[in-house]
Structure formats: C-alpha cells, structure tokens
C-alpha cells in the first residue's frame, strides 16, 4: 500500500529527519543540490551556513543561486532495504540569505552539537514554506 502524506505527517517526518538535500537553481547548469541540516519552526526552515566545514570558495554557490532566483526545495527521504518503509517529504519555498537570529542560533545549537560553539554559524538560509508534499510506501 502506498500513500500520499498529509501536511501534518510531512511536518512530523521533517521533525525527525536528521538531514536532507537542498536544491537551488543555477543559471547555466539548472538544479544544484547539496546535503544540509536544518531546523523547522512554523512555516520557516532555517539552514545554517557554518564556519566549521571547509568551503570551496569565498561565497557558496547556493547563496549566489538564491540571489538570482529565490526558489528552493528541501528533499528529505528515508531509505530501508524493506521497501515498505520508504518515504520522502519535499518542501518548496522562497529562500533568502540572512543573518541568524539568537533564536535560530539556539535552535541550531540544540539540534546539532557542532553548532554550540560561538561563531560556528555565520549565516543562514531561511526558506518560507510554500508547499509540503510527501509519500510513503506503507501506512
């Protein structure tokens, strides 16, 4: 049995997932995706831009992409060799680069121990949720 997930089920699964992929639109290549973590509150997803992991350049391509086209998508999925346990949730919205608020920093630090150090998160991507859809292989 397969089923579409309603918004409440999607939000619940987003709250328990540890990571996903965030997609933006690159003018020449089309879709760019990158693995991310996030915190989810209300109708906002906050994705950290940190100073912990090595970066490939001075400015992340996903931020440049958002400057040109603010559409973003977060895809979260669960894989299991038992295919009756497969599911995914997809969130579409408009995203912008932002200076993290104290509340966002606290939420990120609570969710991810690596972000407890002062200065670990330098910026955020804040996505205003437009639509949430999902699917599960089983009930």
Protein backbone atom coordinates (compact mmCIF):
# COMPACT_ATOMS: atom_id res chain seq x y z
CA UNK A 1 0.00 0.00 0.00
CA UNK A 2 1.36 3.44 -0.94
CA UNK A 3 0.03 6.72 0.27
CA UNK A 4 0.37 10.44 -0.03
CA UNK A 5 1.29 12.04 3.26
CA UNK A 6 -0.82 14.92 4.53
CA UNK A 7 0.84 18.11 5.73
CA UNK A 8 0.82 17.07 9.39
CA UNK A 9 2.51 13.75 8.55
CA UNK A 10 5.08 15.57 6.41
CA UNK A 11 5.87 18.04 9.19
CA UNK A 12 6.25 15.19 11.66
CA UNK A 13 8.72 13.37 9.43
CA UNK A 14 10.67 16.58 8.83
CA UNK A 15 10.97 16.95 12.59
CA UNK A 16 12.56 13.52 12.98
CA UNK A 17 14.83 13.52 9.92
CA UNK A 18 18.47 14.33 10.50
CA UNK A 19 19.46 15.66 7.11
CA UNK A 20 18.34 16.12 3.54
CA UNK A 21 19.29 17.84 0.30
CA UNK A 22 18.61 21.47 -0.56
CA UNK A 23 18.18 22.47 -4.18
CA UNK A 24 18.55 25.84 -5.85
CA UNK A 25 18.54 26.92 -9.49
CA UNK A 26 21.85 27.64 -11.23
CA UNK A 27 21.51 29.85 -14.32
CA UNK A 28 23.64 27.61 -16.57
CA UNK A 29 23.50 24.11 -15.04
CA UNK A 30 19.93 24.04 -13.82
CA UNK A 31 19.32 22.34 -10.49
CA UNK A 32 22.10 22.42 -7.87
CA UNK A 33 21.69 20.23 -4.80
CA UNK A 34 23.74 20.00 -1.63
CA UNK A 35 23.34 17.98 1.59
CA UNK A 36 22.15 20.08 4.53
CA UNK A 37 20.82 20.04 8.06
CA UNK A 38 18.10 22.42 9.22
CA UNK A 39 15.69 23.45 11.92
CA UNK A 40 12.00 23.77 11.20
CA UNK A 41 9.66 26.14 13.02
CA UNK A 42 6.19 27.15 11.85
CA UNK A 43 6.47 27.93 8.17
CA UNK A 44 10.21 28.58 8.11
CA UNK A 45 13.13 26.28 7.50
CA UNK A 46 16.50 27.58 8.66
CA UNK A 47 19.58 26.06 7.05
CA UNK A 48 22.93 27.00 8.61
CA UNK A 49 25.95 28.25 6.72
CA UNK A 50 28.78 27.36 9.06
CA UNK A 51 32.42 28.18 9.62
CA UNK A 52 33.22 24.60 10.68
CA UNK A 53 33.46 22.63 7.44
CA UNK A 54 35.84 23.53 4.63
CA UNK A 55 34.30 25.59 1.83
CA UNK A 56 35.22 25.51 -1.85
CA UNK A 57 35.16 29.28 -2.25
CA UNK A 58 34.58 32.59 -0.54
CA UNK A 59 30.86 32.57 -1.38
CA UNK A 60 28.78 29.43 -1.54
CA UNK A 61 27.19 28.74 -4.91
CA UNK A 62 23.79 28.11 -3.28
CA UNK A 63 23.82 31.68 -1.95
CA UNK A 64 24.71 33.09 -5.37
CA UNK A 65 21.95 30.95 -6.90
CA UNK A 66 19.41 32.36 -4.42
CA UNK A 67 20.48 35.92 -5.26
CA UNK A 68 19.41 35.27 -8.86
CA UNK A 69 16.38 33.01 -8.20
CA UNK A 70 14.95 32.67 -4.70
CA UNK A 71 13.21 29.33 -5.31
CA UNK A 72 14.45 26.49 -3.14
CA UNK A 73 13.46 22.94 -2.33
CA UNK A 74 14.35 20.68 0.57
CA UNK A 75 14.05 16.93 -0.03
CA UNK A 76 14.17 14.53 2.90
CA UNK A 77 13.89 10.80 2.46
CA UNK A 78 14.13 7.56 4.36
CA UNK A 79 15.59 4.50 2.69
CA UNK A 80 15.29 0.99 4.01
CA UNK A 81 16.03 -2.38 2.39
CA UNK A 82 12.47 -3.19 3.40
CA UNK A 83 10.80 -1.08 0.72
CA UNK A 84 7.55 -0.97 2.67
CA UNK A 85 9.32 1.56 4.94
CA UNK A 86 10.37 4.03 2.22
CA UNK A 87 9.17 7.63 2.44
CA UNK A 88 10.02 11.13 1.27
CA UNK A 89 8.98 14.69 2.05
CA UNK A 90 9.56 17.66 -0.25
CA UNK A 91 9.29 21.31 0.77
CA UNK A 92 9.12 24.11 -1.80
CA UNK A 93 9.54 27.75 -0.89
CA UNK A 94 11.29 31.05 -1.33
CA UNK A 95 14.67 31.34 0.35
CA UNK A 96 16.99 34.17 1.28
CA UNK A 97 20.38 34.55 2.90
CA UNK A 98 20.06 36.01 6.39
CA UNK A 99 22.00 36.90 9.50
CA UNK A 100 20.99 34.31 12.10
CA UNK A 101 18.86 35.48 14.99
CA UNK A 102 19.63 34.45 18.56
CA UNK A 103 16.60 32.17 18.49
CA UNK A 104 17.80 30.47 15.30
CA UNK A 105 21.31 30.03 16.71
CA UNK A 106 19.85 28.49 19.90
CA UNK A 107 17.66 26.10 17.87
CA UNK A 108 20.58 25.05 15.67
CA UNK A 109 22.83 24.54 18.72
CA UNK A 110 20.15 22.43 20.42
CA UNK A 111 19.72 20.24 17.35
CA UNK A 112 23.37 19.93 16.30
CA UNK A 113 26.17 19.86 18.92
CA UNK A 114 28.76 21.13 16.40
CA UNK A 115 26.90 24.46 16.32
CA UNK A 116 27.19 25.12 20.06
CA UNK A 117 30.48 26.98 19.61
CA UNK A 118 30.21 30.74 19.27
CA UNK A 119 30.75 31.74 15.64
CA UNK A 120 30.07 28.24 14.26
CA UNK A 121 27.11 29.51 12.21
CA UNK A 122 27.94 32.64 10.25
CA UNK A 123 24.82 32.96 8.08
CA UNK A 124 21.60 31.14 7.44
CA UNK A 125 19.35 30.39 4.54
CA UNK A 126 15.77 30.98 5.60
CA UNK A 127 13.11 29.38 3.44
CA UNK A 128 9.49 30.44 3.74
CA UNK A 129 7.47 27.29 3.13
CA UNK A 130 5.02 27.42 0.20
CA UNK A 131 4.11 23.74 -0.13
CA UNK A 132 4.91 20.47 1.62
CA UNK A 133 4.23 17.15 -0.06
CA UNK A 134 5.19 13.62 0.80
CA UNK A 135 4.80 9.95 0.04
CA UNK A 136 5.21 6.73 1.99
CA UNK A 137 5.32 3.15 0.79
CA UNK A 138 3.33 1.85 3.72
CA UNK A 139 0.78 3.04 6.24
